[in-house]
C-alpha atoms as a PDB file:
ATOM      1  CA  MET A   1      22.342  -8.934   2.225  1.00  0.00           C
ATOM      2  CA  GLU A   2      22.755  -7.098   5.480  1.00  0.00           C
ATOM      3  CA  GLU A   3      20.878  -8.112   8.598  1.00  0.00           C
ATOM      4  CA  ASN A   4      17.452  -6.506   9.158  1.00  0.00           C
ATOM      5  CA  MET A   5      17.078  -5.794   5.424  1.00  0.00           C
ATOM      6  CA  ILE A   6      14.769  -7.501   2.933  1.00  0.00           C
ATOM      7  CA  LYS A   7      13.958  -6.967  -0.756  1.00  0.00           C
ATOM      8  CA  ILE A   8      10.455  -6.013  -1.854  1.00  0.00           C
ATOM      9  CA  THR A   9       9.419  -5.504  -5.465  1.00  0.00           C
ATOM     10  CA  VAL A  10       6.813  -2.831  -6.129  1.00  0.00           C
ATOM     11  CA  ILE A  11       5.355  -2.706  -9.638  1.00  0.00           C
ATOM     12  CA  ASP A  12       4.193   0.816 -10.414  1.00  0.00           C
ATOM     13  CA  ARG A  13       1.115   1.825 -12.401  1.00  0.00           C
ATOM     14  CA  GLU A  14       3.133   1.798 -15.647  1.00  0.00           C
ATOM     15  CA  ASP A  15       4.101  -1.858 -14.957  1.00  0.00           C
ATOM     16  CA  LEU A  16       7.710  -0.965 -14.110  1.00  0.00           C
ATOM     17  CA  PRO A  17       9.188  -3.029 -11.256  1.00  0.00           C
ATOM     18  CA  HIS A  18      11.137  -1.292  -8.489  1.00  0.00           C
ATOM     19  CA  GLU A  19      13.284  -3.487  -6.234  1.00  0.00           C
ATOM     20  CA  LEU A  20      13.371  -1.808  -2.841  1.00  0.00           C
ATOM     21  CA  ASP A  21      15.617  -2.449   0.148  1.00  0.00           C
ATOM     22  CA  ALA A  22      13.324  -2.591   3.151  1.00  0.00           C
ATOM     23  CA  PRO A  23      14.472  -2.381   6.782  1.00  0.00           C
ATOM     24  CA  THR A  24      12.729  -4.800   9.145  1.00  0.00           C
ATOM     25  CA  ASP A  25      13.959  -3.159  12.353  1.00  0.00           C
ATOM     26  CA  MET A  26      12.237   0.229  12.029  1.00  0.00           C
ATOM     27  CA  ASN A  27       8.573  -0.814  12.442  1.00  0.00           C
ATOM     28  CA  MET A  28       7.802   0.503   8.944  1.00  0.00           C
ATOM     29  CA  ASN A  29       4.918  -0.539   6.749  1.00  0.00           C
ATOM     30  CA  LEU A  30       4.776  -0.953   2.980  1.00  0.00           C
ATOM     31  CA  MET A  31       3.127   2.437   2.418  1.00  0.00           C
ATOM     32  CA  GLU A  32       5.924   4.221   4.311  1.00  0.00           C
ATOM     33  CA  LEU A  33       8.537   2.286   2.333  1.00  0.00           C
ATOM     34  CA  CYS A  34       6.929   3.287  -0.984  1.00  0.00           C
ATOM     35  CA  LYS A  35       6.800   6.930   0.106  1.00  0.00           C
ATOM     36  CA  SER A  36      10.465   6.830   1.162  1.00  0.00           C
ATOM     37  CA  TYR A  37      11.342   5.728  -2.394  1.00  0.00           C
ATOM     38  CA  GLU A  38       9.057   8.466  -3.786  1.00  0.00           C
ATOM     39  CA  LEU A  39       6.720   5.995  -5.472  1.00  0.00           C
ATOM     40  CA  PRO A  40       3.237   7.410  -6.168  1.00  0.00           C
ATOM     41  CA  VAL A  41       1.541   6.247  -2.969  1.00  0.00           C
ATOM     42  CA  GLU A  42      -0.319   8.986  -1.166  1.00  0.00           C
ATOM     43  CA  GLY A  43      -0.950   7.534   2.284  1.00  0.00           C
ATOM     44  CA  THR A  44      -3.349  10.408   2.907  1.00  0.00           C
ATOM     45  CA  CYS A  45      -4.526   9.154   6.308  1.00  0.00           C
ATOM     46  CA  GLY A  46      -1.009   8.502   7.603  1.00  0.00           C
ATOM     47  CA  GLY A  47      -1.406   4.739   7.879  1.00  0.00           C
ATOM     48  CA  MET A  48      -4.616   4.497   9.898  1.00  0.00           C
ATOM     49  CA  ALA A  49      -6.569   2.397   7.317  1.00  0.00           C
ATOM     50  CA  LEU A  50      -8.907   5.371   6.830  1.00  0.00           C
ATOM     51  CA  CYS A  51      -8.312   5.885   3.115  1.00  0.00           C
ATOM     52  CA  ALA A  52      -7.329   3.597   0.267  1.00  0.00           C
ATOM     53  CA  SER A  53      -4.565   5.699  -1.274  1.00  0.00           C
ATOM     54  CA  CYS A  54      -1.990   2.967  -0.529  1.00  0.00           C
ATOM     55  CA  HIS A  55      -4.074   0.167  -2.107  1.00  0.00           C
ATOM     56  CA  VAL A  56      -1.883  -2.600  -3.583  1.00  0.00           C
ATOM     57  CA  TYR A  57      -2.327  -6.033  -5.140  1.00  0.00           C
ATOM     58  CA  VAL A  58      -0.203  -8.721  -3.487  1.00  0.00           C
ATOM     59  CA  GLN A  59       1.295 -10.781  -6.318  1.00  0.00           C
ATOM     60  CA  SER A  60       3.497 -13.239  -4.437  1.00  0.00           C
ATOM     61  CA  ASP A  61       2.439 -16.108  -2.167  1.00  0.00           C
ATOM     62  CA  HIS A  62       3.682 -14.607   1.092  1.00  0.00           C
ATOM     63  CA  GLU A  63       1.781 -15.291   4.287  1.00  0.00           C
ATOM     64  CA  LEU A  64       0.399 -11.924   5.421  1.00  0.00           C
ATOM     65  CA  ASN A  65      -1.369 -11.017   8.623  1.00  0.00           C
ATOM     66  CA  ASP A  66      -5.152 -11.167   8.262  1.00  0.00           C
ATOM     67  CA  PRO A  67      -6.766  -7.848   7.345  1.00  0.00           C
ATOM     68  CA  THR A  68      -8.316  -5.995  10.280  1.00  0.00           C
ATOM     69  CA  ASP A  69     -11.993  -5.043  10.236  1.00  0.00           C
ATOM     70  CA  ASP A  70     -10.925  -1.435   9.564  1.00  0.00           C
ATOM     71  CA  GLU A  71      -8.884  -2.521   6.536  1.00  0.00           C
ATOM     72  CA  LEU A  72     -11.742  -4.664   5.196  1.00  0.00           C
ATOM     73  CA  ASP A  73     -14.210  -1.786   5.679  1.00  0.00           C
ATOM     74  CA  MET A  74     -11.903   0.558   3.771  1.00  0.00           C
ATOM     75  CA  LEU A  75     -11.373  -1.938   0.943  1.00  0.00           C
ATOM     76  CA  ASP A  76     -15.176  -2.265   0.684  1.00  0.00           C
ATOM     77  CA  GLN A  77     -15.235   1.420  -0.262  1.00  0.00           C
ATOM     78  CA  ALA A  78     -12.160   1.384  -2.527  1.00  0.00           C
ATOM     79  CA  PHE A  79     -12.117   1.204  -6.315  1.00  0.00           C
ATOM     80  CA  PHE A  80     -10.649  -1.663  -8.394  1.00  0.00           C
ATOM     81  CA  VAL A  81     -10.634  -4.110  -5.450  1.00  0.00           C
ATOM     82  CA  LYS A  82      -9.569  -7.686  -6.185  1.00  0.00           C
ATOM     83  CA  GLY A  83      -9.148 -10.809  -4.069  1.00  0.00           C
ATOM     84  CA  ASN A  84      -5.470  -9.948  -3.502  1.00  0.00           C
ATOM     85  CA  SER A  85      -6.107  -6.309  -2.527  1.00  0.00           C
ATOM     86  CA  ARG A  86      -4.509  -4.979   0.652  1.00  0.00           C
ATOM     87  CA  LEU A  87      -3.728  -1.567   2.107  1.00  0.00           C
ATOM     88  CA  GLY A  88       0.031  -1.007   2.091  1.00  0.00           C
ATOM     89  CA  CYS A  89      -0.157   0.767   5.452  1.00  0.00           C
ATOM     90  CA  GLN A  90      -1.371  -2.461   7.037  1.00  0.00           C
ATOM     91  CA  ILE A  91       1.539  -4.603   5.769  1.00  0.00           C
ATOM     92  CA  LYS A  92       4.301  -4.384   8.383  1.00  0.00           C
ATOM     93  CA  LEU A  93       7.809  -5.001   7.023  1.00  0.00           C
ATOM     94  CA  LYS A  94       9.226  -8.162   8.563  1.00  0.00           C
ATOM     95  CA  THR A  95      11.801 -10.787   7.639  1.00  0.00           C
ATOM     96  CA  ALA A  96       9.146 -13.262   6.432  1.00  0.00           C
ATOM     97  CA  LEU A  97       8.201 -10.821   3.656  1.00  0.00           C
ATOM     98  CA  ASP A  98      11.585 -11.001   1.894  1.00  0.00           C
ATOM     99  CA  GLY A  99      10.848 -11.208  -1.836  1.00  0.00           C
ATOM    100  CA  LEU A 100       7.311  -9.832  -1.525  1.00  0.00           C
ATOM    101  CA  ILE A 101       5.876  -8.575  -4.829  1.00  0.00           C
ATOM    102  CA  VAL A 102       3.066  -6.030  -4.941  1.00  0.00           C
ATOM    103  CA  LYS A 103       1.542  -3.903  -7.679  1.00  0.00           C
ATOM    104  CA  LEU A 104       0.136  -0.429  -7.053  1.00  0.00           C
ATOM    105  CA  ALA A 105      -3.600  -0.361  -7.680  1.00  0.00           C
ATOM    106  CA  PRO A 106      -4.942   2.159 -10.208  1.00  0.00           C
ATOM    107  CA  VAL A 107      -6.183   5.460  -8.850  1.00  0.00           C
ATOM    108  CA  ALA A 108      -9.806   6.460  -9.361  1.00  0.00           C
ATOM    109  CA  VAL A 109     -10.057   9.710 -11.298  1.00  0.00           C
END
């Protein structure tokens, strides 16, 4: 694999896995990566942790940065929250996340 590139698996809402090549040198977050692959992640607030349209469930044992107070406040208002819930916009792509597996949370209708 080329330098500054990791693999992230995103499981969509139909349970189909998508293996994505993710650059670690562009200061991207998981929500932006999903949008670049045209996965159904809205990212309505543009990555400011002000909405929950990029809500994911982390399914691998990767060490993630602790959620900020803003992220925790937003998750308190989100639907279908679980213990492994995170906002994709708050997960920065970095080398340590190679092999990360997340599942897109259901959308409230």
